[in-house]
Protein backbone atom coordinates (compact mmCIF):
# COMPACT_ATOMS: atom_id res chain seq x y z
CA MET A 1 41.22 39.66 -27.25
CA LEU A 2 40.56 36.05 -26.64
CA ARG A 3 37.56 34.23 -27.78
CA ARG A 4 35.81 32.00 -25.42
CA LYS A 5 35.26 28.49 -26.21
CA ARG A 6 31.74 27.22 -26.58
CA ASN A 7 30.64 24.11 -24.82
CA GLY A 8 30.64 21.29 -26.90
CA LEU A 9 27.04 20.50 -25.78
CA PRO A 10 24.42 20.74 -28.25
CA GLU A 11 21.48 22.47 -27.57
CA SER A 12 18.02 21.23 -28.72
CA SER A 13 14.38 22.71 -28.62
CA LEU A 14 11.52 20.45 -26.66
CA ASP A 15 9.28 21.34 -29.34
CA GLU A 16 11.58 19.61 -31.71
CA ILE A 17 12.01 16.55 -29.68
CA LEU A 18 8.14 16.39 -29.32
CA TYR A 19 7.23 16.70 -32.88
CA ALA A 20 10.32 14.30 -34.20
CA ARG A 21 9.18 11.10 -32.20
CA PRO A 22 5.78 11.36 -30.68
CA GLN A 23 5.28 7.76 -30.61
CA GLN A 24 8.31 7.04 -28.75
CA LEU A 25 7.48 9.88 -26.32
CA GLN A 26 4.00 8.20 -25.32
CA ARG A 27 5.63 4.85 -24.73
CA GLU A 28 7.84 6.59 -22.12
CA ILE A 29 4.92 8.34 -20.14
CA VAL A 30 3.60 6.38 -17.43
CA ASP A 31 0.87 6.92 -15.24
CA ALA A 32 1.68 6.53 -11.56
CA ALA A 33 -1.94 5.60 -10.60
CA LEU A 34 -3.13 2.02 -9.77
CA ASP A 35 -4.27 0.37 -12.54
CA PRO A 36 -8.09 -0.96 -12.66
CA GLU A 37 -7.04 -4.47 -11.73
CA GLN A 38 -5.11 -3.53 -8.62
CA ILE A 39 -7.84 -1.22 -7.76
CA CYS A 40 -10.19 -4.16 -7.88
CA SER A 41 -8.06 -6.65 -5.84
CA GLU A 42 -7.59 -4.00 -3.22
CA THR A 43 -11.25 -3.42 -2.91
CA GLU A 44 -12.16 -7.28 -2.83
CA ILE A 45 -9.32 -7.93 -0.25
CA HIS A 46 -10.56 -5.08 1.85
CA GLN A 47 -14.07 -6.25 1.70
CA LEU A 48 -12.87 -9.90 2.90
CA LEU A 49 -10.89 -8.01 5.64
CA GLU A 50 -14.04 -6.15 6.94
CA GLU A 51 -16.14 -9.31 6.95
CA GLN A 52 -13.26 -11.31 9.04
CA LEU A 53 -12.82 -8.50 11.65
CA PRO A 54 -15.60 -8.95 13.66
CA HIS A 55 -14.32 -12.59 14.36
CA LEU A 56 -11.20 -11.28 15.95
CA PRO A 57 -11.35 -11.14 19.75
CA PRO A 58 -12.34 -7.55 21.28
CA GLY A 59 -8.85 -6.81 22.58
CA LEU A 60 -7.15 -7.58 19.08
CA ARG A 61 -9.81 -5.82 16.92
CA ALA A 62 -9.76 -2.71 18.83
CA ALA A 63 -5.91 -2.37 18.52
CA PHE A 64 -6.06 -3.52 14.78
CA GLN A 65 -8.85 -1.12 13.86
CA LEU A 66 -7.25 1.94 16.12
CA ARG A 67 -3.78 1.24 14.42
CA GLU A 68 -4.74 0.01 10.97
CA LEU A 69 -8.06 1.57 10.08
CA ASP A 70 -8.36 4.68 12.29
CA GLY A 71 -4.90 5.53 11.39
CA LEU A 72 -3.72 6.33 14.92
CA SER A 73 -0.19 6.05 15.97
CA SER A 74 1.04 3.27 18.27
CA SER A 75 1.46 5.84 21.13
CA GLU A 76 -2.12 7.10 20.58
CA SER A 77 -3.46 3.75 20.26
CA CYS A 78 -1.86 2.50 23.49
CA ARG A 79 -3.05 5.80 25.30
CA VAL A 80 -6.78 5.05 23.96
CA LEU A 81 -6.73 1.12 25.04
CA GLY A 82 -4.86 2.08 28.51
CA ILE A 83 -1.87 -0.49 27.61
CA HIS A 84 1.66 -0.48 27.37
CA LYS A 85 3.40 -0.54 23.93
CA ASN A 86 4.76 -4.00 23.91
CA ALA A 87 1.28 -5.54 24.81
CA PHE A 88 -0.30 -3.38 21.86
CA LYS A 89 2.55 -4.48 19.32
CA SER A 90 1.70 -7.93 20.50
CA ARG A 91 -2.18 -7.55 19.92
CA ILE A 92 -1.25 -6.16 16.50
CA SER A 93 0.92 -8.76 15.62
CA ARG A 94 -1.71 -11.40 16.84
CA ALA A 95 -4.50 -9.84 14.88
CA ARG A 96 -2.43 -9.52 11.56
CA GLN A 97 -1.72 -13.39 11.83
CA LYS A 98 -5.20 -14.11 12.63
CA LEU A 99 -6.52 -11.96 9.99
CA GLY A 100 -4.14 -13.25 7.38
CA ARG A 101 -5.07 -16.85 8.15
CA ALA A 102 -8.66 -16.09 7.89
CA LEU A 103 -8.30 -14.32 4.44
CA GLN A 104 -6.03 -17.25 3.31
CA LYS A 105 -9.10 -19.73 4.35
CA SER A 106 -11.74 -17.45 2.65
CA LEU A 107 -9.82 -17.24 -0.53
CA ASN A 108 -8.94 -20.94 -0.61
CA ASN A 109 -12.81 -21.48 -0.19
CA HIS A 110 -13.20 -19.45 -3.65
CA GLY A 111 -10.64 -21.54 -5.13
CA LEU A 112 -7.83 -18.72 -5.04
CA LEU A 113 -4.42 -18.87 -3.47
CA LEU A 114 -3.04 -16.24 -1.53
CA THR A 115 0.71 -16.43 -1.85
CA SER A 116 1.80 -12.58 -1.09
CA LEU A 117 -0.75 -10.67 0.09
CA LYS A 118 0.41 -7.09 0.46
CA LEU A 119 -2.11 -4.72 1.88
CA LYS A 120 -1.21 -1.15 2.73
CA VAL A 121 -3.48 -1.63 5.73
CA ILE A 122 -1.69 -4.71 7.03
CA GLU A 123 2.09 -3.65 6.07
CA ARG A 124 1.82 -0.54 7.71
CA GLY A 125 3.35 -1.04 11.21
């Protein structure tokens, strides 16, 4: 009778690994949630965005609000506004540009520089 060869892979208990090096394991665990600084900055930028939204022309404001704030798809937003998709895309683009310039100006007035604003609201599109 032939004896089977065992795999050369050693087996280890997870309990042994956890108890043998708890400090190293704690450094490896990363929380996927946003840190407080990111939450604060996103909240402040969202407030600035809400302040600048009424200054947009009505057509741009409606398109931006339906798509970005209300979460409607482009097709649904076009149906609500009664416009073609290309016109809708143009309105969204112009609204983003105007809001970006307004936010830049607002932040510059507060002594802050806006180098790369990455809002989920503005990026989604």
